[in-house]
Amino acid sequence: MKNPQLLDLYSDFCLTSFAAITATGLSKLPDEGYSHDQISRFLQQKAFDQKDYWKMATSSTSNQKSL
């Protein structure tokens, strides 16, 4: 997984979006700084499996505990 921050953003976007989910829509989020092409390349890397999401969730949880 090359960009866990983008995976986190994409997951949140999918969970909270009420409209069609597109790379263009995600790239229009303010203050994120990702282009449509960056998001498209990210999504084409590989299929994310449960291990990828687990790694992301556990690292996020451990970061929260240290705050």
C-alpha atoms as a PDB file:
ATOM      1  CA  MET A   1       0.000   0.000   0.000  1.00  0.00           C
ATOM      2  CA  LYS A   2       1.761   3.121  -1.198  1.00  0.00           C
ATOM      3  CA  ASN A   3      -0.434   5.826   0.265  1.00  0.00           C
ATOM      4  CA  PRO A   4      -2.306   4.967   3.475  1.00  0.00           C
ATOM      5  CA  GLN A   5      -3.537   8.573   3.849  1.00  0.00           C
ATOM      6  CA  LEU A   6      -5.304   8.382   0.495  1.00  0.00           C
ATOM      7  CA  LEU A   7      -6.768   4.987   1.414  1.00  0.00           C
ATOM      8  CA  ASP A   8      -8.112   6.505   4.620  1.00  0.00           C
ATOM      9  CA  LEU A   9      -9.548   9.498   2.767  1.00  0.00           C
ATOM     10  CA  TYR A  10     -11.085   7.272   0.099  1.00  0.00           C
ATOM     11  CA  SER A  11     -12.665   4.999   2.724  1.00  0.00           C
ATOM     12  CA  ASP A  12     -14.155   7.974   4.575  1.00  0.00           C
ATOM     13  CA  PHE A  13     -15.402   9.435   1.297  1.00  0.00           C
ATOM     14  CA  CYS A  14     -17.127   6.149   0.393  1.00  0.00           C
ATOM     15  CA  LEU A  15     -18.760   5.879   3.802  1.00  0.00           C
ATOM     16  CA  THR A  16     -20.042   9.444   3.941  1.00  0.00           C
ATOM     17  CA  SER A  17     -20.966  10.188   0.339  1.00  0.00           C
ATOM     18  CA  PHE A  18     -24.659  10.421  -0.527  1.00  0.00           C
ATOM     19  CA  ALA A  19     -24.048  10.712  -4.276  1.00  0.00           C
ATOM     20  CA  ALA A  20     -22.120   8.713  -6.838  1.00  0.00           C
ATOM     21  CA  ILE A  21     -18.535   8.112  -5.750  1.00  0.00           C
ATOM     22  CA  THR A  22     -16.026   9.324  -8.329  1.00  0.00           C
ATOM     23  CA  ALA A  23     -12.363  10.231  -8.416  1.00  0.00           C
ATOM     24  CA  THR A  24     -13.408  13.666  -9.652  1.00  0.00           C
ATOM     25  CA  GLY A  25     -15.672  14.156  -6.647  1.00  0.00           C
ATOM     26  CA  LEU A  26     -12.931  13.086  -4.268  1.00  0.00           C
ATOM     27  CA  SER A  27     -10.397  15.371  -5.953  1.00  0.00           C
ATOM     28  CA  LYS A  28     -12.721  18.350  -5.403  1.00  0.00           C
ATOM     29  CA  LEU A  29     -12.555  18.068  -1.620  1.00  0.00           C
ATOM     30  CA  PRO A  30     -11.018  21.231  -0.206  1.00  0.00           C
ATOM     31  CA  ASP A  31      -7.608  21.086   1.485  1.00  0.00           C
ATOM     32  CA  GLU A  32      -6.829  17.508   0.421  1.00  0.00           C
ATOM     33  CA  GLY A  33      -4.551  18.288  -2.517  1.00  0.00           C
ATOM     34  CA  TYR A  34      -5.110  15.106  -4.516  1.00  0.00           C
ATOM     35  CA  SER A  35      -5.728  15.296  -8.249  1.00  0.00           C
ATOM     36  CA  HIS A  36      -8.109  13.117 -10.227  1.00  0.00           C
ATOM     37  CA  ASP A  37      -5.107  11.377 -11.819  1.00  0.00           C
ATOM     38  CA  GLN A  38      -3.486  10.632  -8.443  1.00  0.00           C
ATOM     39  CA  ILE A  39      -6.711   9.070  -7.188  1.00  0.00           C
ATOM     40  CA  SER A  40      -7.214   7.050 -10.377  1.00  0.00           C
ATOM     41  CA  ARG A  41      -3.647   5.692 -10.234  1.00  0.00           C
ATOM     42  CA  PHE A  42      -4.110   4.873  -6.554  1.00  0.00           C
ATOM     43  CA  LEU A  43      -7.278   2.897  -7.257  1.00  0.00           C
ATOM     44  CA  GLN A  44      -5.613   1.022 -10.124  1.00  0.00           C
ATOM     45  CA  GLN A  45      -2.668  -0.161  -7.988  1.00  0.00           C
ATOM     46  CA  LYS A  46      -4.288  -3.307  -6.673  1.00  0.00           C
ATOM     47  CA  ALA A  47      -7.423  -4.530  -5.039  1.00  0.00           C
ATOM     48  CA  PHE A  48      -7.392  -3.717  -1.343  1.00  0.00           C
ATOM     49  CA  ASP A  49      -8.152  -6.647   0.873  1.00  0.00           C
ATOM     50  CA  GLN A  50      -9.048  -7.059   4.523  1.00  0.00           C
ATOM     51  CA  LYS A  51      -5.380  -6.991   5.573  1.00  0.00           C
ATOM     52  CA  ASP A  52      -4.917  -3.534   4.046  1.00  0.00           C
ATOM     53  CA  TYR A  53      -7.945  -2.139   5.859  1.00  0.00           C
ATOM     54  CA  TRP A  54      -6.899  -3.858   9.096  1.00  0.00           C
ATOM     55  CA  LYS A  55      -3.415  -2.303   8.909  1.00  0.00           C
ATOM     56  CA  MET A  56      -4.952   1.090   8.291  1.00  0.00           C
ATOM     57  CA  ALA A  57      -7.448   0.736  11.133  1.00  0.00           C
ATOM     58  CA  THR A  58      -4.916  -0.501  13.684  1.00  0.00           C
ATOM     59  CA  SER A  59      -2.386   2.196  12.830  1.00  0.00           C
ATOM     60  CA  SER A  60      -5.110   4.817  13.087  1.00  0.00           C
ATOM     61  CA  THR A  61      -6.269   3.422  16.423  1.00  0.00           C
ATOM     62  CA  SER A  62      -2.755   3.322  17.864  1.00  0.00           C
ATOM     63  CA  ASN A  63      -2.200   6.929  16.753  1.00  0.00           C
ATOM     64  CA  GLN A  64      -5.415   7.952  18.537  1.00  0.00           C
ATOM     65  CA  LYS A  65      -4.356   6.254  21.769  1.00  0.00           C
ATOM     66  CA  SER A  66      -1.113   8.222  21.889  1.00  0.00           C
ATOM     67  CA  LEU A  67      -2.992  11.537  21.786  1.00  0.00           C
END
